[in-house]
Amino acid sequence: MSQFTERNQKIVKRIESLLGDRVVAVREQVRQLTVEVQARDWVDTCTRLRDDAELEFDMLVDLCGVDFLGYGDDEWETAEATGSGFSRGVDHLGPGRFDWASRPEAEAIPNRFAVVVHLLSTVHNHRVRLRCHPQDAGFPTLPSLVDVWASANWYEREAFDLFGIMFEGHPDLRRLLTDYGFIGHPFRKDFPLIGNVTVRYDEEKKRVVYEPTEIEPRVLVPRVIRQDSRYVGDQLDRREGGL
């Protein structure tokens, strides 16, 4: 238990005692606890965390999806990069930099998607992050948490809309941020950054029309202003010279 802060040690001990072998892993980073459980224990785990008197996580603060496709891949070149150019060192074929017709097929990687919830106990003033991986990456599905925390309703709709994660038992699982006719899920890593259609209002037809996008995939790397020892002396000379 030494890897946890003193405040979190009590929480971890109680969670492990309450959940037993339902806990796949427990980690702490920047004093934030993350507990990982399996999909089959998703609703039962959340119910236990809510109803336990010592934990009493009575509020679901947030729920979101995660796509681990390409996780750990570095799109920055290092030794092979040139010393000049605005977009130097960037692989232009990185995540999302392709058009809809040439989009890559997602490989069957384990635990590609995850659902993460942030829980708060307003009684004991402590927090925990809970994470679960849907088993089927081709059709990621988890039971809905709406019956455990009503606030999960629109969060689950958002995760469905942006990541394509299904929540079984949700009372009204519709898109939330994109249009009804939208194709795909824009937060997936195999979705092109330029999208697949352009939407505009047509004055003649008096309605919204969908057209193929004319944007070309391109690399945009913003300039970063940082301290550079090569120019420190020049700056001091300017100040002393009154420039």
Protein backbone atom coordinates (compact mmCIF):
# COMPACT_ATOMS: atom_id res chain seq x y z
CA MET A 1 0.00 0.00 0.00
CA SER A 2 3.05 2.27 0.13
CA GLN A 3 2.50 3.25 -3.53
CA PHE A 4 -0.66 5.12 -2.49
CA THR A 5 -0.91 8.37 -0.58
CA GLU A 6 -2.05 8.15 3.02
CA ARG A 7 -5.49 9.51 2.19
CA ASN A 8 -6.01 7.00 -0.63
CA GLN A 9 -4.73 3.98 1.28
CA LYS A 10 -7.95 3.78 3.29
CA ILE A 11 -10.06 4.07 0.15
CA VAL A 12 -8.07 1.40 -1.69
CA LYS A 13 -8.29 -0.96 1.27
CA ARG A 14 -12.05 -0.55 1.47
CA ILE A 15 -12.54 -0.93 -2.30
CA GLU A 16 -10.48 -4.11 -2.43
CA SER A 17 -12.37 -5.50 0.56
CA LEU A 18 -15.73 -4.59 -0.96
CA LEU A 19 -15.10 -5.71 -4.55
CA GLY A 20 -12.69 -8.61 -4.05
CA ASP A 21 -11.66 -10.27 -7.32
CA ARG A 22 -13.79 -7.82 -9.31
CA VAL A 23 -10.83 -5.44 -9.14
CA VAL A 24 -8.52 -5.97 -12.11
CA ALA A 25 -6.05 -3.25 -11.16
CA VAL A 26 -5.73 -0.17 -8.94
CA ARG A 27 -3.39 2.70 -9.81
CA GLU A 28 -2.67 6.14 -8.43
CA GLN A 29 -1.36 9.03 -10.48
CA VAL A 30 -1.19 12.60 -9.22
CA ARG A 31 -3.13 11.41 -6.16
CA GLN A 32 -5.99 10.25 -8.42
CA LEU A 33 -7.14 6.66 -7.94
CA THR A 34 -8.09 4.58 -10.97
CA VAL A 35 -9.85 1.26 -10.42
CA GLU A 36 -10.26 -1.08 -13.39
CA VAL A 37 -12.98 -3.73 -13.49
CA GLN A 38 -14.29 -6.15 -16.09
CA ALA A 39 -17.37 -5.57 -18.21
CA ARG A 40 -19.39 -8.33 -16.54
CA ASP A 41 -18.97 -6.59 -13.15
CA TRP A 42 -19.64 -3.05 -14.39
CA VAL A 43 -23.11 -2.38 -12.94
CA ASP A 44 -22.59 -4.48 -9.81
CA THR A 45 -19.33 -2.66 -9.02
CA CYS A 46 -20.90 0.76 -9.47
CA THR A 47 -23.88 -0.18 -7.33
CA ARG A 48 -21.61 -1.40 -4.52
CA LEU A 49 -19.51 1.77 -4.65
CA ARG A 50 -22.65 3.88 -4.43
CA ASP A 51 -24.37 1.96 -1.61
CA ASP A 52 -21.40 1.20 0.65
CA ALA A 53 -21.58 3.36 3.78
CA GLU A 54 -17.80 3.88 4.00
CA LEU A 55 -17.43 4.91 0.36
CA GLU A 56 -20.86 6.25 -0.65
CA PHE A 57 -20.00 7.50 -4.13
CA ASP A 58 -23.34 9.17 -4.58
CA MET A 59 -22.47 11.36 -7.58
CA LEU A 60 -21.32 10.45 -11.09
CA VAL A 61 -19.42 13.57 -12.14
CA ASP A 62 -18.43 12.47 -15.63
CA LEU A 63 -18.48 9.53 -18.04
CA CYS A 64 -16.49 9.41 -21.25
CA GLY A 65 -15.17 7.03 -23.88
CA VAL A 66 -11.55 6.34 -24.82
CA ASP A 67 -10.10 4.91 -28.03
CA PHE A 68 -6.66 3.30 -27.60
CA LEU A 69 -6.15 2.66 -31.31
CA GLY A 70 -2.61 3.76 -32.10
CA TYR A 71 -1.86 4.30 -28.42
CA GLY A 72 1.87 4.75 -27.87
CA ASP A 73 2.61 5.41 -31.56
CA ASP A 74 4.79 8.49 -31.97
CA GLU A 75 4.16 10.54 -35.09
CA TRP A 76 7.22 12.74 -34.51
CA GLU A 77 10.42 11.91 -36.32
CA THR A 78 13.63 12.50 -34.39
CA ALA A 79 16.96 11.44 -35.87
CA GLU A 80 15.62 11.44 -39.44
CA ALA A 81 13.99 14.88 -39.19
CA THR A 82 15.38 17.85 -41.10
CA GLY A 83 16.47 21.00 -39.32
CA SER A 84 14.14 23.34 -41.15
CA GLY A 85 10.54 23.62 -42.26
CA PHE A 86 7.30 24.43 -40.49
CA SER A 87 6.03 20.84 -40.19
CA ARG A 88 9.40 19.15 -39.85
CA GLY A 89 9.49 15.92 -37.93
CA VAL A 90 5.79 15.08 -38.35
CA ASP A 91 4.55 11.99 -40.12
CA HIS A 92 1.75 13.27 -42.36
CA LEU A 93 0.10 9.86 -42.24
CA GLY A 94 -0.57 10.14 -38.53
CA PRO A 95 -3.94 9.56 -36.82
CA GLY A 96 -6.84 11.19 -38.62
CA ARG A 97 -4.79 12.59 -41.50
CA PHE A 98 -6.54 10.76 -44.32
CA ASP A 99 -9.74 11.14 -46.28
CA TRP A 100 -12.89 9.08 -45.81
CA ALA A 101 -12.32 6.86 -48.86
CA SER A 102 -8.80 5.86 -47.78
CA ARG A 103 -9.49 5.55 -44.06
CA PRO A 104 -7.59 2.64 -42.50
CA GLU A 105 -9.34 -0.43 -41.20
CA ALA A 106 -9.00 -0.73 -37.45
CA GLU A 107 -6.99 -3.73 -36.39
CA ALA A 108 -8.37 -6.19 -33.86
CA ILE A 109 -6.44 -4.94 -30.84
CA PRO A 110 -7.37 -6.02 -27.31
CA ASN A 111 -9.05 -3.45 -25.08
CA ARG A 112 -9.28 -0.85 -27.83
CA PHE A 113 -12.17 1.02 -26.22
CA ALA A 114 -12.72 1.99 -22.61
CA VAL A 115 -15.42 3.72 -20.61
CA VAL A 116 -14.24 5.89 -17.75
CA VAL A 117 -16.39 7.35 -14.97
CA HIS A 118 -15.41 9.86 -12.31
CA LEU A 119 -17.19 9.35 -9.02
CA LEU A 120 -17.52 11.69 -6.06
CA SER A 121 -18.69 11.09 -2.52
CA THR A 122 -20.31 14.30 -1.34
CA VAL A 123 -20.56 12.76 2.14
CA HIS A 124 -16.91 11.77 2.63
CA ASN A 125 -15.35 14.16 0.09
CA HIS A 126 -13.28 11.61 -1.83
CA ARG A 127 -13.07 10.65 -5.48
CA VAL A 128 -12.26 7.66 -7.66
CA ARG A 129 -11.94 7.00 -11.36
CA LEU A 130 -13.48 3.75 -12.61
CA ARG A 131 -12.46 2.23 -15.94
CA CYS A 132 -13.82 -0.69 -17.94
CA HIS A 133 -13.02 -2.14 -21.37
CA PRO A 134 -15.93 -3.45 -23.50
CA GLN A 135 -15.02 -6.93 -24.67
CA ASP A 136 -15.90 -6.62 -28.38
CA ALA A 137 -14.00 -3.80 -30.11
CA GLY A 138 -16.06 -4.31 -33.26
CA PHE A 139 -19.28 -3.61 -31.38
CA PRO A 140 -18.30 -2.18 -27.96
CA THR A 141 -21.15 -2.61 -25.50
CA LEU A 142 -21.57 -2.06 -21.77
CA PRO A 143 -24.65 -2.08 -19.53
CA SER A 144 -26.08 1.37 -18.88
CA LEU A 145 -25.52 3.08 -15.53
CA VAL A 146 -28.65 5.22 -15.75
CA ASP A 147 -30.38 3.14 -13.08
CA VAL A 148 -27.39 3.62 -10.77
CA TRP A 149 -26.83 7.34 -11.39
CA ALA A 150 -29.39 9.28 -13.42
CA SER A 151 -26.66 11.73 -14.48
CA ALA A 152 -25.15 8.99 -16.68
CA ASN A 153 -27.96 9.49 -19.22
CA TRP A 154 -26.55 12.22 -21.46
CA TYR A 155 -22.93 11.21 -20.79
CA GLU A 156 -23.64 7.77 -22.22
CA ARG A 157 -25.38 9.36 -25.21
CA GLU A 158 -22.27 11.45 -25.79
CA ALA A 159 -19.97 8.40 -25.61
CA PHE A 160 -22.27 6.58 -28.04
CA ASP A 161 -22.32 9.53 -30.43
CA LEU A 162 -18.59 10.25 -30.44
CA PHE A 163 -17.11 6.76 -29.93
CA GLY A 164 -19.86 4.38 -31.01
CA ILE A 165 -19.99 2.66 -27.61
CA MET A 166 -23.38 1.06 -27.00
CA PHE A 167 -25.02 1.11 -23.57
CA GLU A 168 -27.44 -1.74 -23.13
CA GLY A 169 -30.59 -0.77 -21.28
CA HIS A 170 -30.24 2.97 -21.88
CA PRO A 171 -33.74 4.50 -22.09
CA ASP A 172 -33.00 6.82 -25.05
CA LEU A 173 -29.66 6.11 -26.73
CA ARG A 174 -29.63 8.71 -29.52
CA ARG A 175 -26.93 10.93 -30.94
CA LEU A 176 -26.36 14.03 -28.86
CA LEU A 177 -23.84 16.31 -30.60
CA THR A 178 -23.85 15.26 -34.25
CA ASP A 179 -26.70 15.41 -36.75
CA TYR A 180 -29.24 12.60 -37.16
CA GLY A 181 -27.80 11.69 -40.55
CA PHE A 182 -24.19 11.76 -39.41
CA ILE A 183 -22.07 8.78 -40.51
CA GLY A 184 -19.40 7.40 -38.21
CA HIS A 185 -18.15 8.43 -34.79
CA PRO A 186 -15.82 11.46 -34.88
CA PHE A 187 -13.73 10.71 -31.76
CA ARG A 188 -12.60 7.32 -33.04
CA LYS A 189 -8.96 7.30 -34.11
CA ASP A 190 -9.85 5.82 -37.50
CA PHE A 191 -12.16 8.76 -38.29
CA PRO A 192 -10.58 11.39 -40.60
CA LEU A 193 -9.99 14.82 -39.13
CA ILE A 194 -11.51 16.40 -42.24
CA GLY A 195 -14.73 14.41 -41.78
CA ASN A 196 -16.55 12.78 -44.67
CA VAL A 197 -19.09 15.40 -45.77
CA THR A 198 -19.55 19.16 -45.84
CA VAL A 199 -22.79 20.56 -44.45
CA ARG A 200 -24.19 23.89 -45.63
CA TYR A 201 -27.52 25.64 -45.98
CA ASP A 202 -28.72 25.93 -49.58
CA GLU A 203 -30.63 29.16 -50.22
CA GLU A 204 -32.35 27.78 -53.31
CA LYS A 205 -33.45 24.50 -51.75
CA LYS A 206 -34.16 26.17 -48.41
CA ARG A 207 -32.65 23.29 -46.49
CA VAL A 208 -29.38 21.86 -45.27
CA VAL A 209 -27.49 19.86 -47.90
CA TYR A 210 -24.65 17.37 -47.60
CA GLU A 211 -21.75 17.43 -50.06
CA PRO A 212 -18.39 15.64 -50.31
CA THR A 213 -15.72 17.49 -48.37
CA GLU A 214 -13.17 19.42 -50.42
CA ILE A 215 -10.63 19.78 -47.62
CA GLU A 216 -7.34 17.97 -48.18
CA PRO A 217 -5.67 16.17 -45.27
CA ARG A 218 -2.63 18.16 -44.21
CA VAL A 219 -0.24 18.55 -41.31
CA LEU A 220 -0.75 21.60 -39.12
CA VAL A 221 1.82 21.96 -36.37
CA PRO A 222 1.62 25.19 -34.37
CA ARG A 223 4.78 27.08 -33.60
CA VAL A 224 5.93 26.78 -30.01
CA ILE A 225 7.70 29.73 -28.37
CA ARG A 226 10.10 28.46 -25.79
CA GLN A 227 13.17 29.66 -23.93
CA ASP A 228 16.29 29.11 -26.00
CA SER A 229 19.74 29.62 -24.52
CA ARG A 230 21.08 30.64 -27.93
CA TYR A 231 19.18 33.91 -27.76
CA VAL A 232 19.46 34.78 -24.07
CA GLY A 233 22.64 36.80 -24.63
CA ASP A 234 21.09 38.79 -27.49
CA GLN A 235 18.11 39.69 -25.35
CA LEU A 236 20.35 40.94 -22.54
CA ASP A 237 22.38 43.04 -24.98
CA ARG A 238 19.20 44.66 -26.32
CA ARG A 239 18.00 45.50 -22.81
CA GLU A 240 21.33 46.99 -21.78
CA GLY A 241 21.53 48.96 -25.01
CA GLY A 242 18.06 50.37 -24.53
CA LEU A 243 16.66 48.66 -27.63
